[in-house]
């Protein structure tokens, strides 16, 4: 089973946004960060899950996933398979579609203190983008 830590961050709300992903496969840690455009903080959090699922599908398609996020909004939305926010609906559908490609997938809320590495990576993506545009 893979432990997949995800976080999104934005500089402004909305503003330049990044996602951070840490995949723990036994004793191996894989770290990724991506700039994802001008988004709200909640949208960045959702995009972190999407990007993590894409990475897992490419690299670990037959694994059971345990996704961990410090965003209650994202965890609740995925667990309920529903959101009232029309902007989030297509993103949720993408997540649910990707989840079905894995043997099993859990999502769990964790406190921010347990998600520091993914948070650092998300902020690093924003910083790298800012540095590349100046």
N, C-alpha and C. Protein backbone atom coordinates (compact mmCIF):
# COMPACT_ATOMS: atom_id res chain seq x y z
N UNK A 1 0.85 -1.18 0.00
CA UNK A 1 0.00 0.00 0.00
C UNK A 1 0.89 1.24 0.00
N UNK A 2 0.54 2.18 -0.85
CA UNK A 2 1.26 3.45 -0.92
C UNK A 2 0.60 4.47 0.00
N UNK A 3 1.42 5.24 0.70
CA UNK A 3 0.93 6.41 1.42
C UNK A 3 1.24 7.61 0.54
N UNK A 4 0.20 8.39 0.23
CA UNK A 4 0.35 9.50 -0.70
C UNK A 4 -0.08 10.78 0.02
N UNK A 5 0.88 11.64 0.31
CA UNK A 5 0.62 12.90 1.00
C UNK A 5 0.49 14.00 -0.05
N UNK A 6 -0.59 14.78 0.03
CA UNK A 6 -0.84 15.83 -0.96
C UNK A 6 -1.12 17.15 -0.27
N UNK A 7 -0.70 18.24 -0.93
CA UNK A 7 -1.05 19.57 -0.44
C UNK A 7 -1.03 20.55 -1.59
N UNK A 8 -1.86 21.55 -1.49
CA UNK A 8 -1.90 22.63 -2.46
C UNK A 8 -1.70 23.94 -1.73
N UNK A 9 -1.13 24.91 -2.44
CA UNK A 9 -0.91 26.24 -1.85
C UNK A 9 -1.11 27.27 -2.94
N UNK A 10 -1.56 28.45 -2.53
CA UNK A 10 -1.64 29.55 -3.48
C UNK A 10 -1.15 30.82 -2.81
N UNK A 11 -0.53 31.66 -3.62
CA UNK A 11 -0.01 32.94 -3.16
C UNK A 11 -1.04 33.99 -3.57
N UNK A 12 -1.98 34.22 -2.69
CA UNK A 12 -3.17 34.99 -3.01
C UNK A 12 -4.32 34.00 -3.16
N UNK A 13 -5.53 34.49 -3.14
CA UNK A 13 -6.66 33.57 -3.21
C UNK A 13 -7.76 34.16 -4.07
N UNK A 14 -7.73 34.02 -5.38
CA UNK A 14 -6.82 33.16 -6.13
C UNK A 14 -5.47 33.82 -6.37
N UNK A 15 -4.53 32.98 -6.77
CA UNK A 15 -3.18 33.44 -7.08
C UNK A 15 -2.35 32.30 -7.63
N UNK A 16 -1.08 32.58 -7.91
CA UNK A 16 -0.21 31.52 -8.40
C UNK A 16 -0.23 30.34 -7.42
N UNK A 17 -0.40 29.13 -7.95
CA UNK A 17 -0.61 27.97 -7.09
C UNK A 17 0.31 26.82 -7.45
N UNK A 18 0.64 26.06 -6.41
CA UNK A 18 1.46 24.88 -6.60
C UNK A 18 0.90 23.72 -5.81
N UNK A 19 1.33 22.52 -6.21
CA UNK A 19 0.95 21.32 -5.47
C UNK A 19 2.21 20.56 -5.10
N UNK A 20 2.14 19.92 -3.95
CA UNK A 20 3.23 19.08 -3.48
C UNK A 20 2.71 17.68 -3.20
N UNK A 21 3.52 16.69 -3.56
CA UNK A 21 3.11 15.29 -3.42
C UNK A 21 4.30 14.50 -2.90
N UNK A 22 4.05 13.71 -1.86
CA UNK A 22 5.06 12.79 -1.35
C UNK A 22 4.44 11.40 -1.38
N UNK A 23 5.10 10.49 -2.09
CA UNK A 23 4.62 9.12 -2.19
C UNK A 23 5.58 8.24 -1.41
N UNK A 24 5.05 7.55 -0.41
CA UNK A 24 5.86 6.64 0.39
C UNK A 24 5.55 5.22 -0.06
N UNK A 25 6.56 4.57 -0.62
CA UNK A 25 6.45 3.19 -1.09
C UNK A 25 7.43 2.36 -0.27
N UNK A 26 6.93 1.71 0.77
CA UNK A 26 7.76 0.98 1.73
C UNK A 26 8.74 1.97 2.35
N UNK A 27 10.04 1.83 2.13
CA UNK A 27 11.02 2.75 2.71
C UNK A 27 11.46 3.83 1.73
N UNK A 28 10.88 3.85 0.55
CA UNK A 28 11.26 4.81 -0.49
C UNK A 28 10.28 5.98 -0.50
N UNK A 29 10.83 7.20 -0.56
CA UNK A 29 10.01 8.40 -0.64
C UNK A 29 10.24 9.07 -1.99
N UNK A 30 9.16 9.36 -2.69
CA UNK A 30 9.24 10.09 -3.95
C UNK A 30 8.56 11.43 -3.74
N UNK A 31 9.24 12.51 -4.11
CA UNK A 31 8.70 13.86 -3.91
C UNK A 31 8.51 14.54 -5.26
N UNK A 32 7.39 15.24 -5.39
CA UNK A 32 7.07 15.95 -6.63
C UNK A 32 6.43 17.29 -6.29
N UNK A 33 6.67 18.27 -7.14
CA UNK A 33 5.96 19.54 -7.01
C UNK A 33 5.70 20.09 -8.40
N UNK A 34 4.57 20.76 -8.54
CA UNK A 34 4.14 21.28 -9.83
C UNK A 34 3.46 22.63 -9.65
N UNK A 35 3.74 23.53 -10.56
CA UNK A 35 2.98 24.78 -10.64
C UNK A 35 1.70 24.45 -11.40
N UNK A 36 0.55 24.91 -10.91
CA UNK A 36 -0.73 24.55 -11.53
C UNK A 36 -1.56 25.74 -12.00
N UNK A 37 -0.97 26.95 -11.99
CA UNK A 37 -1.67 28.11 -12.53
C UNK A 37 -2.26 29.00 -11.46
N UNK A 38 -3.15 29.87 -11.89
CA UNK A 38 -3.82 30.81 -10.98
C UNK A 38 -5.10 30.14 -10.48
N UNK A 39 -5.09 29.77 -9.21
CA UNK A 39 -6.21 29.05 -8.62
C UNK A 39 -6.48 29.55 -7.21
N UNK A 40 -7.64 29.19 -6.68
CA UNK A 40 -7.90 29.41 -5.26
C UNK A 40 -7.16 28.34 -4.47
N UNK A 41 -7.03 28.55 -3.18
CA UNK A 41 -6.35 27.57 -2.34
C UNK A 41 -7.08 26.22 -2.39
N UNK A 42 -8.41 26.23 -2.34
CA UNK A 42 -9.17 24.98 -2.40
C UNK A 42 -8.96 24.26 -3.73
N UNK A 43 -8.95 25.03 -4.81
CA UNK A 43 -8.72 24.41 -6.13
C UNK A 43 -7.32 23.78 -6.18
N UNK A 44 -6.33 24.45 -5.61
CA UNK A 44 -4.97 23.90 -5.58
C UNK A 44 -4.95 22.58 -4.80
N UNK A 45 -5.68 22.53 -3.70
CA UNK A 45 -5.77 21.29 -2.91
C UNK A 45 -6.37 20.16 -3.74
N UNK A 46 -7.40 20.47 -4.50
CA UNK A 46 -8.05 19.46 -5.35
C UNK A 46 -7.10 19.01 -6.45
N UNK A 47 -6.41 19.95 -7.06
CA UNK A 47 -5.46 19.63 -8.13
C UNK A 47 -4.31 18.77 -7.59
N UNK A 48 -3.96 18.92 -6.33
CA UNK A 48 -2.92 18.08 -5.74
C UNK A 48 -3.34 16.61 -5.76
N UNK A 49 -4.60 16.35 -5.45
CA UNK A 49 -5.10 14.97 -5.48
C UNK A 49 -5.09 14.44 -6.91
N UNK A 50 -5.55 15.26 -7.85
CA UNK A 50 -5.58 14.83 -9.26
C UNK A 50 -4.17 14.49 -9.74
N UNK A 51 -3.22 15.36 -9.46
CA UNK A 51 -1.85 15.13 -9.92
C UNK A 51 -1.26 13.89 -9.24
N UNK A 52 -1.55 13.70 -7.96
CA UNK A 52 -1.05 12.51 -7.25
C UNK A 52 -1.62 11.23 -7.87
N UNK A 53 -2.90 11.25 -8.18
CA UNK A 53 -3.50 10.07 -8.81
C UNK A 53 -2.88 9.79 -10.17
N UNK A 54 -2.60 10.84 -10.93
CA UNK A 54 -1.95 10.66 -12.24
C UNK A 54 -0.56 10.04 -12.07
N UNK A 55 0.21 10.54 -11.11
CA UNK A 55 1.55 9.99 -10.86
C UNK A 55 1.49 8.53 -10.43
N UNK A 56 0.55 8.23 -9.56
CA UNK A 56 0.40 6.85 -9.09
C UNK A 56 -0.04 5.93 -10.22
N UNK A 57 -0.91 6.42 -11.08
CA UNK A 57 -1.37 5.61 -12.21
C UNK A 57 -0.21 5.30 -13.15
N UNK A 58 0.67 6.28 -13.38
CA UNK A 58 1.83 6.09 -14.26
C UNK A 58 2.87 5.15 -13.66
N UNK A 59 3.08 5.26 -12.34
CA UNK A 59 4.18 4.55 -11.71
C UNK A 59 3.79 3.34 -10.86
N UNK A 60 2.57 3.32 -10.34
CA UNK A 60 2.13 2.26 -9.43
C UNK A 60 0.68 1.88 -9.71
N UNK A 61 0.35 1.48 -10.93
CA UNK A 61 -1.06 1.30 -11.31
C UNK A 61 -1.80 0.20 -10.55
N UNK A 62 -1.10 -0.76 -9.97
CA UNK A 62 -1.77 -1.88 -9.30
C UNK A 62 -1.73 -1.79 -7.78
N UNK A 63 -1.33 -0.64 -7.27
CA UNK A 63 -1.19 -0.48 -5.82
C UNK A 63 -2.48 0.01 -5.17
N UNK A 64 -2.61 -0.32 -3.90
CA UNK A 64 -3.66 0.26 -3.05
C UNK A 64 -3.13 1.61 -2.57
N UNK A 65 -3.98 2.64 -2.62
CA UNK A 65 -3.55 3.99 -2.24
C UNK A 65 -4.21 4.43 -0.95
N UNK A 66 -3.42 5.06 -0.11
CA UNK A 66 -3.93 5.75 1.06
C UNK A 66 -3.51 7.21 0.90
N UNK A 67 -4.44 8.03 0.44
CA UNK A 67 -4.16 9.45 0.21
C UNK A 67 -4.41 10.21 1.51
N UNK A 68 -3.49 11.08 1.85
CA UNK A 68 -3.60 11.87 3.08
C UNK A 68 -3.53 13.35 2.73
N UNK A 69 -4.52 14.10 3.21
CA UNK A 69 -4.62 15.53 2.93
C UNK A 69 -5.00 16.27 4.20
N UNK A 70 -4.52 17.51 4.32
CA UNK A 70 -4.92 18.32 5.48
C UNK A 70 -6.10 19.24 5.14
N UNK A 71 -6.72 19.00 3.98
CA UNK A 71 -7.89 19.79 3.57
C UNK A 71 -9.16 19.00 3.84
N UNK A 72 -9.90 19.43 4.88
CA UNK A 72 -11.17 18.76 5.20
C UNK A 72 -12.15 18.87 4.05
N UNK A 73 -12.14 20.01 3.36
CA UNK A 73 -13.05 20.20 2.24
C UNK A 73 -12.82 19.12 1.18
N UNK A 74 -11.57 18.88 0.83
CA UNK A 74 -11.24 17.90 -0.21
C UNK A 74 -11.58 16.49 0.26
N UNK A 75 -11.18 16.15 1.47
CA UNK A 75 -11.45 14.81 2.00
C UNK A 75 -12.96 14.55 2.05
N UNK A 76 -13.72 15.49 2.58
CA UNK A 76 -15.18 15.32 2.67
C UNK A 76 -15.81 15.20 1.28
N UNK A 77 -15.36 16.03 0.35
CA UNK A 77 -15.90 16.03 -1.01
C UNK A 77 -15.69 14.66 -1.66
N UNK A 78 -14.50 14.10 -1.51
CA UNK A 78 -14.20 12.81 -2.13
C UNK A 78 -14.93 11.68 -1.40
N UNK A 79 -14.96 11.71 -0.09
CA UNK A 79 -15.66 10.66 0.66
C UNK A 79 -17.15 10.64 0.34
N UNK A 80 -17.75 11.82 0.21
CA UNK A 80 -19.19 11.91 -0.08
C UNK A 80 -19.50 11.77 -1.57
N UNK A 81 -18.43 11.90 -2.38
CA UNK A 81 -18.58 11.86 -3.84
C UNK A 81 -19.57 12.94 -4.31
N UNK A 82 -19.49 14.10 -3.65
CA UNK A 82 -20.42 15.19 -3.96
C UNK A 82 -19.82 16.53 -3.55
N UNK A 83 -20.13 17.55 -4.36
CA UNK A 83 -19.83 18.93 -3.99
C UNK A 83 -20.92 19.82 -4.57
N UNK A 84 -21.30 20.83 -3.82
CA UNK A 84 -22.28 21.79 -4.31
C UNK A 84 -21.63 22.84 -5.20
N UNK A 85 -20.33 23.02 -5.06
CA UNK A 85 -19.62 24.05 -5.82
C UNK A 85 -19.48 23.62 -7.28
N UNK A 86 -20.10 24.35 -8.17
CA UNK A 86 -20.11 23.99 -9.59
C UNK A 86 -18.70 23.99 -10.20
N UNK A 87 -17.81 24.85 -9.69
CA UNK A 87 -16.44 24.87 -10.20
C UNK A 87 -15.67 23.61 -9.84
N UNK A 88 -16.02 22.98 -8.72
CA UNK A 88 -15.31 21.80 -8.26
C UNK A 88 -15.87 20.50 -8.85
N UNK A 89 -17.10 20.56 -9.37
CA UNK A 89 -17.75 19.33 -9.85
C UNK A 89 -16.96 18.58 -10.91
N UNK A 90 -16.44 19.25 -11.98
CA UNK A 90 -15.66 18.49 -12.95
C UNK A 90 -14.36 17.94 -12.37
N UNK A 91 -13.77 18.65 -11.43
CA UNK A 91 -12.55 18.18 -10.78
C UNK A 91 -12.84 16.93 -9.94
N UNK A 92 -13.96 16.96 -9.22
CA UNK A 92 -14.36 15.80 -8.43
C UNK A 92 -14.62 14.61 -9.34
N UNK A 93 -15.29 14.84 -10.46
CA UNK A 93 -15.56 13.72 -11.38
C UNK A 93 -14.26 13.12 -11.91
N UNK A 94 -13.28 13.96 -12.17
CA UNK A 94 -11.98 13.46 -12.63
C UNK A 94 -11.33 12.60 -11.55
N UNK A 95 -11.39 13.06 -10.30
CA UNK A 95 -10.82 12.29 -9.19
C UNK A 95 -11.52 10.95 -9.06
N UNK A 96 -12.85 10.96 -9.06
CA UNK A 96 -13.60 9.72 -8.89
C UNK A 96 -13.32 8.74 -10.02
N UNK A 97 -13.17 9.26 -11.22
CA UNK A 97 -12.86 8.42 -12.37
C UNK A 97 -11.48 7.78 -12.22
N UNK A 98 -10.51 8.57 -11.80
CA UNK A 98 -9.15 8.05 -11.62
C UNK A 98 -9.07 7.04 -10.48
N UNK A 99 -9.80 7.29 -9.40
CA UNK A 99 -9.78 6.39 -8.25
C UNK A 99 -10.22 4.99 -8.66
N UNK A 100 -11.19 4.91 -9.56
CA UNK A 100 -11.74 3.61 -9.99
C UNK A 100 -10.71 2.75 -10.71
N UNK A 101 -9.60 3.33 -11.15
CA UNK A 101 -8.59 2.56 -11.87
C UNK A 101 -7.65 1.80 -10.92
N UNK A 102 -7.75 2.07 -9.62
CA UNK A 102 -6.90 1.40 -8.63
C UNK A 102 -7.69 0.30 -7.93
N UNK A 103 -6.98 -0.73 -7.43
CA UNK A 103 -7.68 -1.81 -6.73
C UNK A 103 -8.48 -1.30 -5.53
N UNK A 104 -7.90 -0.34 -4.82
CA UNK A 104 -8.60 0.28 -3.69
C UNK A 104 -7.92 1.61 -3.39
N UNK A 105 -8.70 2.57 -2.94
CA UNK A 105 -8.16 3.90 -2.65
C UNK A 105 -8.91 4.48 -1.45
N UNK A 106 -8.15 4.90 -0.46
CA UNK A 106 -8.69 5.56 0.73
C UNK A 106 -8.24 7.01 0.70
N UNK A 107 -9.02 7.88 1.31
CA UNK A 107 -8.55 9.24 1.55
C UNK A 107 -8.78 9.54 3.02
N UNK A 108 -7.80 10.18 3.62
CA UNK A 108 -7.83 10.40 5.06
C UNK A 108 -7.39 11.82 5.35
N UNK A 109 -8.09 12.48 6.27
CA UNK A 109 -7.67 13.80 6.73
C UNK A 109 -6.56 13.62 7.76
N UNK A 110 -5.53 14.47 7.63
CA UNK A 110 -4.44 14.49 8.61
C UNK A 110 -4.20 15.94 9.03
N UNK A 111 -3.70 16.17 10.23
CA UNK A 111 -3.36 17.54 10.64
C UNK A 111 -2.21 18.09 9.80
N UNK A 112 -2.19 19.40 9.65
CA UNK A 112 -1.15 20.07 8.86
C UNK A 112 0.26 19.69 9.29
N UNK A 113 0.44 19.48 10.58
CA UNK A 113 1.77 19.15 11.10
C UNK A 113 2.31 17.85 10.49
N UNK A 114 1.41 16.95 10.10
CA UNK A 114 1.82 15.68 9.50
C UNK A 114 2.00 15.79 7.98
N UNK A 115 1.76 16.98 7.45
CA UNK A 115 1.80 17.17 6.00
C UNK A 115 2.83 18.23 5.59
N UNK A 116 3.82 18.44 6.43
CA UNK A 116 4.78 19.53 6.20
C UNK A 116 5.58 19.36 4.91
N UNK A 117 5.96 18.13 4.58
CA UNK A 117 6.77 17.93 3.37
C UNK A 117 5.99 18.28 2.11
N UNK A 118 4.74 17.83 2.02
CA UNK A 118 3.92 18.16 0.85
C UNK A 118 3.66 19.67 0.79
N UNK A 119 3.44 20.29 1.94
CA UNK A 119 3.22 21.74 1.98
C UNK A 119 4.47 22.48 1.49
N UNK A 120 5.64 22.07 1.95
CA UNK A 120 6.89 22.70 1.52
C UNK A 120 7.07 22.58 0.01
N UNK A 121 6.75 21.42 -0.53
CA UNK A 121 6.88 21.21 -1.97
C UNK A 121 5.90 22.08 -2.76
N UNK A 122 4.68 22.23 -2.28
CA UNK A 122 3.69 23.07 -2.96
C UNK A 122 4.18 24.52 -3.00
N UNK A 123 4.72 25.00 -1.89
CA UNK A 123 5.24 26.37 -1.83
C UNK A 123 6.48 26.53 -2.70
N UNK A 124 7.28 25.48 -2.79
CA UNK A 124 8.47 25.50 -3.62
C UNK A 124 8.08 25.65 -5.10
N UNK A 125 7.01 24.99 -5.51
CA UNK A 125 6.54 25.10 -6.90
C UNK A 125 6.17 26.55 -7.23
N UNK A 126 5.51 27.23 -6.30
CA UNK A 126 5.14 28.63 -6.51
C UNK A 126 6.40 29.49 -6.59
N UNK A 127 7.32 29.28 -5.69
CA UNK A 127 8.57 30.05 -5.66
C UNK A 127 9.36 29.86 -6.95
N UNK A 128 9.48 28.64 -7.42
CA UNK A 128 10.19 28.39 -8.67
C UNK A 128 9.51 29.10 -9.84
N UNK A 129 8.18 29.07 -9.86
CA UNK A 129 7.45 29.75 -10.92
C UNK A 129 7.71 31.26 -10.86
N UNK A 130 7.63 31.83 -9.66
CA UNK A 130 7.88 33.27 -9.51
C UNK A 130 9.28 33.64 -9.95
N UNK A 131 10.26 32.81 -9.58
CA UNK A 131 11.65 33.09 -9.96
C UNK A 131 11.86 32.98 -11.46
N UNK A 132 11.10 32.12 -12.11
CA UNK A 132 11.26 31.94 -13.56
C UNK A 132 10.59 33.05 -14.36
N UNK A 133 9.70 33.80 -13.73
CA UNK A 133 8.98 34.87 -14.44
C UNK A 133 9.60 36.24 -14.22
N UNK A 134 10.64 36.31 -13.38
CA UNK A 134 11.27 37.61 -13.12
C UNK A 134 12.57 37.76 -13.87
